[in-house]
């Protein structure tokens, strides 16, 4: 069973040594999560794989939820910095192509996640749980992902409607990924679904109308 989150905030790595340990923990969680998924992966094994004390692991990630949302956040950071899947379209797209640009960002990121299905499911399960808790990792990952989509849309000063649009698009994308992981649709069908959803949701405001 997943460890229940403690009533305290995860520590933030500050020194280079701490940041190195933090990155090793995320790499270890990615590896073991891809092999075992959320429920079967043990925190002790992550600590051993990362070469850190179990107390250090729990200091940064009080629960499996925190840990896998942290893995998701790290993947979004790679996407945002231009070093991850789908990173070829993270700058503002030309007018008339912005919905398609967002679709390609989502498709690239989704294919990168689906290449390791057990890890993808673990991240999505953790994200759902963290949404209810509203923890720091979820808030940061959410904001970073929305930032990637807003940049592709060419929105520099988003208003409430912009945030609403990227939030709905994100939720649709998560649902499509879950359908693939559950064997309901294929990856190719998922790509087509994402392109259609982006065109219907975002096209009228950002391609046919005027972006903020």
C-alpha atoms as a PDB file:
ATOM      1  CA  UNK A   1       0.000   0.000   0.000  1.00  0.00           C
ATOM      2  CA  UNK A   2       1.133   3.580  -0.656  1.00  0.00           C
ATOM      3  CA  UNK A   3       2.417   5.429   2.402  1.00  0.00           C
ATOM      4  CA  UNK A   4      -0.040   8.049   3.635  1.00  0.00           C
ATOM      5  CA  UNK A   5       1.377  11.556   3.363  1.00  0.00           C
ATOM      6  CA  UNK A   6       2.557  13.049   6.649  1.00  0.00           C
ATOM      7  CA  UNK A   7       1.224  16.387   7.849  1.00  0.00           C
ATOM      8  CA  UNK A   8       4.347  18.333   6.930  1.00  0.00           C
ATOM      9  CA  UNK A   9       5.771  20.039   3.892  1.00  0.00           C
ATOM     10  CA  UNK A  10       8.480  18.292   1.849  1.00  0.00           C
ATOM     11  CA  UNK A  11      11.942  19.820   2.224  1.00  0.00           C
ATOM     12  CA  UNK A  12      13.340  21.880  -0.636  1.00  0.00           C
ATOM     13  CA  UNK A  13      16.884  20.983  -1.814  1.00  0.00           C
ATOM     14  CA  UNK A  14      19.162  24.021  -1.554  1.00  0.00           C
ATOM     15  CA  UNK A  15      22.821  23.044  -1.830  1.00  0.00           C
ATOM     16  CA  UNK A  16      24.316  21.351  -4.890  1.00  0.00           C
ATOM     17  CA  UNK A  17      24.811  18.202  -2.842  1.00  0.00           C
ATOM     18  CA  UNK A  18      21.148  18.184  -1.844  1.00  0.00           C
ATOM     19  CA  UNK A  19      20.046  18.836  -5.417  1.00  0.00           C
ATOM     20  CA  UNK A  20      22.190  15.922  -6.599  1.00  0.00           C
ATOM     21  CA  UNK A  21      20.564  13.602  -4.059  1.00  0.00           C
ATOM     22  CA  UNK A  22      17.150  14.926  -5.112  1.00  0.00           C
ATOM     23  CA  UNK A  23      17.863  14.167  -8.781  1.00  0.00           C
ATOM     24  CA  UNK A  24      19.167  10.688  -7.913  1.00  0.00           C
ATOM     25  CA  UNK A  25      15.955   9.968  -6.035  1.00  0.00           C
ATOM     26  CA  UNK A  26      13.843  11.031  -9.032  1.00  0.00           C
ATOM     27  CA  UNK A  27      15.914   8.882 -11.406  1.00  0.00           C
ATOM     28  CA  UNK A  28      15.590   5.901  -9.068  1.00  0.00           C
ATOM     29  CA  UNK A  29      11.822   6.405  -8.760  1.00  0.00           C
ATOM     30  CA  UNK A  30      11.510   6.624 -12.555  1.00  0.00           C
ATOM     31  CA  UNK A  31      13.426   3.382 -13.012  1.00  0.00           C
ATOM     32  CA  UNK A  32      11.623   1.413 -10.311  1.00  0.00           C
ATOM     33  CA  UNK A  33       8.240   2.944 -11.117  1.00  0.00           C
ATOM     34  CA  UNK A  34       8.627   1.804 -14.723  1.00  0.00           C
ATOM     35  CA  UNK A  35       9.327  -1.722 -13.467  1.00  0.00           C
ATOM     36  CA  UNK A  36       6.810  -2.033 -10.651  1.00  0.00           C
ATOM     37  CA  UNK A  37       4.212   0.750 -10.814  1.00  0.00           C
ATOM     38  CA  UNK A  38       2.932   2.771  -7.875  1.00  0.00           C
ATOM     39  CA  UNK A  39       1.617   0.109  -5.507  1.00  0.00           C
ATOM     40  CA  UNK A  40       4.365  -2.505  -5.884  1.00  0.00           C
ATOM     41  CA  UNK A  41       7.293  -0.120  -5.708  1.00  0.00           C
ATOM     42  CA  UNK A  42       8.818   0.189  -2.243  1.00  0.00           C
ATOM     43  CA  UNK A  43      10.272   3.413  -0.864  1.00  0.00           C
ATOM     44  CA  UNK A  44      13.151   1.451   0.710  1.00  0.00           C
ATOM     45  CA  UNK A  45      14.113   0.211  -2.750  1.00  0.00           C
ATOM     46  CA  UNK A  46      14.088   3.761  -4.101  1.00  0.00           C
ATOM     47  CA  UNK A  47      16.400   4.910  -1.308  1.00  0.00           C
ATOM     48  CA  UNK A  48      18.755   1.993  -1.967  1.00  0.00           C
ATOM     49  CA  UNK A  49      18.755   2.581  -5.740  1.00  0.00           C
ATOM     50  CA  UNK A  50      19.415   6.308  -5.229  1.00  0.00           C
ATOM     51  CA  UNK A  51      22.135   5.675  -2.632  1.00  0.00           C
ATOM     52  CA  UNK A  52      20.470   7.780   0.058  1.00  0.00           C
ATOM     53  CA  UNK A  53      19.186   7.110   3.568  1.00  0.00           C
ATOM     54  CA  UNK A  54      15.480   6.341   3.842  1.00  0.00           C
ATOM     55  CA  UNK A  55      15.134   9.380   6.130  1.00  0.00           C
ATOM     56  CA  UNK A  56      16.553  11.552   3.346  1.00  0.00           C
ATOM     57  CA  UNK A  57      14.020  10.168   0.888  1.00  0.00           C
ATOM     58  CA  UNK A  58      11.104  10.889   3.216  1.00  0.00           C
ATOM     59  CA  UNK A  59      12.494  14.353   3.971  1.00  0.00           C
ATOM     60  CA  UNK A  60      12.018  15.353   0.334  1.00  0.00           C
ATOM     61  CA  UNK A  61       9.096  13.057  -0.497  1.00  0.00           C
ATOM     62  CA  UNK A  62       6.882  12.150   2.485  1.00  0.00           C
ATOM     63  CA  UNK A  63       4.804   9.744   0.377  1.00  0.00           C
ATOM     64  CA  UNK A  64       4.709   7.897  -2.925  1.00  0.00           C
ATOM     65  CA  UNK A  65       2.264  10.516  -4.116  1.00  0.00           C
ATOM     66  CA  UNK A  66       4.813  13.270  -3.517  1.00  0.00           C
ATOM     67  CA  UNK A  67       7.515  11.173  -5.149  1.00  0.00           C
ATOM     68  CA  UNK A  68       5.690  10.411  -8.393  1.00  0.00           C
ATOM     69  CA  UNK A  69       4.310  13.926  -8.719  1.00  0.00           C
ATOM     70  CA  UNK A  70       7.935  15.003  -8.336  1.00  0.00           C
ATOM     71  CA  UNK A  71       8.855  12.684 -11.227  1.00  0.00           C
ATOM     72  CA  UNK A  72       6.040  14.200 -13.304  1.00  0.00           C
ATOM     73  CA  UNK A  73       7.216  17.695 -12.402  1.00  0.00           C
ATOM     74  CA  UNK A  74      10.766  16.862 -13.513  1.00  0.00           C
ATOM     75  CA  UNK A  75       9.478  15.646 -16.879  1.00  0.00           C
ATOM     76  CA  UNK A  76       7.485  18.849 -17.335  1.00  0.00           C
ATOM     77  CA  UNK A  77      10.585  20.878 -16.488  1.00  0.00           C
ATOM     78  CA  UNK A  78      12.483  19.039 -19.248  1.00  0.00           C
ATOM     79  CA  UNK A  79       9.645  19.794 -21.633  1.00  0.00           C
ATOM     80  CA  UNK A  80       9.599  23.435 -20.623  1.00  0.00           C
ATOM     81  CA  UNK A  81      13.371  23.817 -20.976  1.00  0.00           C
ATOM     82  CA  UNK A  82      13.363  22.305 -24.451  1.00  0.00           C
ATOM     83  CA  UNK A  83      15.083  19.019 -23.544  1.00  0.00           C
ATOM     84  CA  UNK A  84      12.121  16.644 -23.291  1.00  0.00           C
ATOM     85  CA  UNK A  85       9.632  14.861 -25.520  1.00  0.00           C
ATOM     86  CA  UNK A  86       7.619  17.244 -27.625  1.00  0.00           C
ATOM     87  CA  UNK A  87      10.022  20.069 -26.823  1.00  0.00           C
ATOM     88  CA  UNK A  88      10.256  21.184 -30.436  1.00  0.00           C
ATOM     89  CA  UNK A  89       7.117  23.292 -30.002  1.00  0.00           C
ATOM     90  CA  UNK A  90       7.384  25.239 -26.755  1.00  0.00           C
ATOM     91  CA  UNK A  91       7.707  28.742 -28.202  1.00  0.00           C
ATOM     92  CA  UNK A  92       4.781  30.745 -29.534  1.00  0.00           C
ATOM     93  CA  UNK A  93       3.432  29.243 -32.745  1.00  0.00           C
ATOM     94  CA  UNK A  94       2.404  31.402 -35.716  1.00  0.00           C
ATOM     95  CA  UNK A  95      -1.156  32.714 -35.782  1.00  0.00           C
ATOM     96  CA  UNK A  96      -3.496  30.095 -37.165  1.00  0.00           C
ATOM     97  CA  UNK A  97      -1.298  27.213 -35.965  1.00  0.00           C
ATOM     98  CA  UNK A  98      -1.476  27.589 -32.206  1.00  0.00           C
ATOM     99  CA  UNK A  99      -4.023  24.872 -31.451  1.00  0.00           C
ATOM    100  CA  UNK A 100      -2.013  22.475 -33.600  1.00  0.00           C
ATOM    101  CA  UNK A 101       1.172  23.516 -31.772  1.00  0.00           C
ATOM    102  CA  UNK A 102      -0.349  22.668 -28.410  1.00  0.00           C
ATOM    103  CA  UNK A 103      -1.549  19.328 -29.789  1.00  0.00           C
ATOM    104  CA  UNK A 104       1.984  18.452 -30.885  1.00  0.00           C
ATOM    105  CA  UNK A 105       3.387  19.404 -27.469  1.00  0.00           C
ATOM    106  CA  UNK A 106       0.832  17.117 -25.807  1.00  0.00           C
ATOM    107  CA  UNK A 107       1.375  14.287 -28.269  1.00  0.00           C
ATOM    108  CA  UNK A 108       5.138  14.410 -27.810  1.00  0.00           C
ATOM    109  CA  UNK A 109       4.862  14.505 -24.024  1.00  0.00           C
ATOM    110  CA  UNK A 110       2.241  11.745 -24.040  1.00  0.00           C
ATOM    111  CA  UNK A 111       4.278   9.426 -26.225  1.00  0.00           C
ATOM    112  CA  UNK A 112       7.266   9.977 -23.972  1.00  0.00           C
ATOM    113  CA  UNK A 113       5.189   8.974 -20.949  1.00  0.00           C
ATOM    114  CA  UNK A 114       3.486   6.029 -22.641  1.00  0.00           C
ATOM    115  CA  UNK A 115       6.845   4.514 -23.574  1.00  0.00           C
ATOM    116  CA  UNK A 116       6.956   3.425 -19.909  1.00  0.00           C
ATOM    117  CA  UNK A 117       3.313   2.578 -19.175  1.00  0.00           C
ATOM    118  CA  UNK A 118       3.664   1.525 -15.538  1.00  0.00           C
ATOM    119  CA  UNK A 119       5.521   4.734 -14.735  1.00  0.00           C
ATOM    120  CA  UNK A 120       2.960   6.764 -16.679  1.00  0.00           C
ATOM    121  CA  UNK A 121       0.109   5.221 -14.707  1.00  0.00           C
ATOM    122  CA  UNK A 122       1.962   5.819 -11.441  1.00  0.00           C
ATOM    123  CA  UNK A 123       2.443   9.497 -12.292  1.00  0.00           C
ATOM    124  CA  UNK A 124      -1.194   9.945 -13.286  1.00  0.00           C
ATOM    125  CA  UNK A 125      -2.451   8.168 -10.162  1.00  0.00           C
ATOM    126  CA  UNK A 126      -0.185  10.319  -7.997  1.00  0.00           C
ATOM    127  CA  UNK A 127      -1.280  13.468  -9.798  1.00  0.00           C
ATOM    128  CA  UNK A 128      -4.934  12.653  -9.126  1.00  0.00           C
ATOM    129  CA  UNK A 129      -4.240  12.056  -5.442  1.00  0.00           C
ATOM    130  CA  UNK A 130      -2.105  15.202  -5.158  1.00  0.00           C
ATOM    131  CA  UNK A 131      -4.866  17.262  -6.759  1.00  0.00           C
ATOM    132  CA  UNK A 132      -7.056  16.467  -3.763  1.00  0.00           C
ATOM    133  CA  UNK A 133      -4.251  17.324  -1.342  1.00  0.00           C
ATOM    134  CA  UNK A 134      -3.158  20.491  -3.165  1.00  0.00           C
ATOM    135  CA  UNK A 135       0.492  20.018  -2.199  1.00  0.00           C
ATOM    136  CA  UNK A 136       3.455  22.070  -3.376  1.00  0.00           C
ATOM    137  CA  UNK A 137       4.662  19.536  -5.938  1.00  0.00           C
ATOM    138  CA  UNK A 138       1.237  19.362  -7.572  1.00  0.00           C
ATOM    139  CA  UNK A 139       0.866  23.152  -7.616  1.00  0.00           C
ATOM    140  CA  UNK A 140       4.315  23.633  -9.156  1.00  0.00           C
ATOM    141  CA  UNK A 141       3.890  20.871 -11.725  1.00  0.00           C
ATOM    142  CA  UNK A 142       0.483  22.221 -12.674  1.00  0.00           C
ATOM    143  CA  UNK A 143       1.768  25.779 -13.093  1.00  0.00           C
ATOM    144  CA  UNK A 144       4.787  24.647 -15.121  1.00  0.00           C
ATOM    145  CA  UNK A 145       2.663  22.579 -17.485  1.00  0.00           C
ATOM    146  CA  UNK A 146       0.178  25.387 -17.996  1.00  0.00           C
ATOM    147  CA  UNK A 147       3.115  27.672 -18.734  1.00  0.00           C
ATOM    148  CA  UNK A 148       4.303  25.372 -21.525  1.00  0.00           C
ATOM    149  CA  UNK A 149       0.861  25.392 -23.155  1.00  0.00           C
ATOM    150  CA  UNK A 150       0.406  29.145 -22.765  1.00  0.00           C
ATOM    151  CA  UNK A 151       3.751  29.791 -24.450  1.00  0.00           C
ATOM    152  CA  UNK A 152       2.773  27.609 -27.389  1.00  0.00           C
ATOM    153  CA  UNK A 153      -0.440  29.642 -27.628  1.00  0.00           C
ATOM    154  CA  UNK A 154       1.519  32.899 -27.639  1.00  0.00           C
ATOM    155  CA  UNK A 155      -0.166  34.121 -24.443  1.00  0.00           C
ATOM    156  CA  UNK A 156       2.162  36.304 -22.376  1.00  0.00           C
ATOM    157  CA  UNK A 157      -0.382  37.817 -19.987  1.00  0.00           C
ATOM    158  CA  UNK A 158      -2.978  35.083 -19.379  1.00  0.00           C
ATOM    159  CA  UNK A 159      -6.368  35.936 -17.949  1.00  0.00           C
ATOM    160  CA  UNK A 160      -8.852  33.646 -16.213  1.00  0.00           C
ATOM    161  CA  UNK A 161     -10.240  32.419 -19.526  1.00  0.00           C
ATOM    162  CA  UNK A 162      -6.758  31.462 -20.769  1.00  0.00           C
ATOM    163  CA  UNK A 163      -6.097  29.453 -17.623  1.00  0.00           C
ATOM    164  CA  UNK A 164      -9.500  27.828 -17.952  1.00  0.00           C
ATOM    165  CA  UNK A 165      -8.776  26.788 -21.534  1.00  0.00           C
ATOM    166  CA  UNK A 166      -5.391  25.223 -20.801  1.00  0.00           C
ATOM    167  CA  UNK A 167      -6.804  23.531 -17.702  1.00  0.00           C
ATOM    168  CA  UNK A 168      -9.599  21.885 -19.711  1.00  0.00           C
ATOM    169  CA  UNK A 169      -7.103  20.904 -22.406  1.00  0.00           C
ATOM    170  CA  UNK A 170      -4.799  19.368 -19.805  1.00  0.00           C
ATOM    171  CA  UNK A 171      -7.661  17.393 -18.254  1.00  0.00           C
ATOM    172  CA  UNK A 172      -8.685  16.096 -21.668  1.00  0.00           C
ATOM    173  CA  UNK A 173      -5.106  15.022 -22.363  1.00  0.00           C
ATOM    174  CA  UNK A 174      -4.894  13.128 -19.059  1.00  0.00           C
ATOM    175  CA  UNK A 175      -8.134  11.335 -19.926  1.00  0.00           C
ATOM    176  CA  UNK A 176      -6.794  10.307 -23.326  1.00  0.00           C
ATOM    177  CA  UNK A 177      -3.607   8.948 -21.736  1.00  0.00           C
ATOM    178  CA  UNK A 178      -5.625   6.904 -19.249  1.00  0.00           C
ATOM    179  CA  UNK A 179      -7.670   5.459 -22.131  1.00  0.00           C
ATOM    180  CA  UNK A 180      -4.459   4.293 -23.809  1.00  0.00           C
ATOM    181  CA  UNK A 181      -3.087   2.829 -20.585  1.00  0.00           C
ATOM    182  CA  UNK A 182      -6.363   0.965 -20.013  1.00  0.00           C
ATOM    183  CA  UNK A 183      -6.286  -0.462 -23.537  1.00  0.00           C
ATOM    184  CA  UNK A 184      -9.411   1.390 -24.679  1.00  0.00           C
ATOM    185  CA  UNK A 185      -7.714   3.169 -27.595  1.00  0.00           C
ATOM    186  CA  UNK A 186      -4.390   2.913 -29.430  1.00  0.00           C
ATOM    187  CA  UNK A 187      -1.603   5.478 -29.354  1.00  0.00           C
ATOM    188  CA  UNK A 188      -2.432   6.508 -32.923  1.00  0.00           C
ATOM    189  CA  UNK A 189      -6.063   7.021 -31.954  1.00  0.00           C
ATOM    190  CA  UNK A 190      -4.891   9.038 -28.952  1.00  0.00           C
ATOM    191  CA  UNK A 191      -2.863  11.317 -31.219  1.00  0.00           C
ATOM    192  CA  UNK A 192      -5.915  11.926 -33.404  1.00  0.00           C
ATOM    193  CA  UNK A 193      -8.099  12.549 -30.349  1.00  0.00           C
ATOM    194  CA  UNK A 194      -5.656  15.089 -28.945  1.00  0.00           C
ATOM    195  CA  UNK A 195      -5.433  16.956 -32.256  1.00  0.00           C
ATOM    196  CA  UNK A 196      -9.228  17.067 -32.497  1.00  0.00           C
ATOM    197  CA  UNK A 197      -9.636  18.202 -28.898  1.00  0.00           C
ATOM    198  CA  UNK A 198      -7.045  20.962 -29.293  1.00  0.00           C
ATOM    199  CA  UNK A 199      -8.696  22.182 -32.499  1.00  0.00           C
ATOM    200  CA  UNK A 200     -12.179  22.246 -30.960  1.00  0.00           C
ATOM    201  CA  UNK A 201     -11.156  23.700 -27.605  1.00  0.00           C
ATOM    202  CA  UNK A 202      -8.423  26.132 -28.584  1.00  0.00           C
ATOM    203  CA  UNK A 203      -8.934  26.904 -32.261  1.00  0.00           C
ATOM    204  CA  UNK A 204     -11.872  29.322 -31.916  1.00  0.00           C
ATOM    205  CA  UNK A 205     -10.080  31.508 -29.351  1.00  0.00           C
ATOM    206  CA  UNK A 206      -6.431  31.364 -30.406  1.00  0.00           C
ATOM    207  CA  UNK A 207      -6.504  30.719 -34.155  1.00  0.00           C
ATOM    208  CA  UNK A 208      -9.844  32.010 -35.439  1.00  0.00           C
ATOM    209  CA  UNK A 209     -10.118  34.795 -32.848  1.00  0.00           C
ATOM    210  CA  UNK A 210      -7.446  36.938 -31.236  1.00  0.00           C
ATOM    211  CA  UNK A 211      -5.119  35.603 -28.532  1.00  0.00           C
ATOM    212  CA  UNK A 212      -4.654  37.534 -25.308  1.00  0.00           C
END
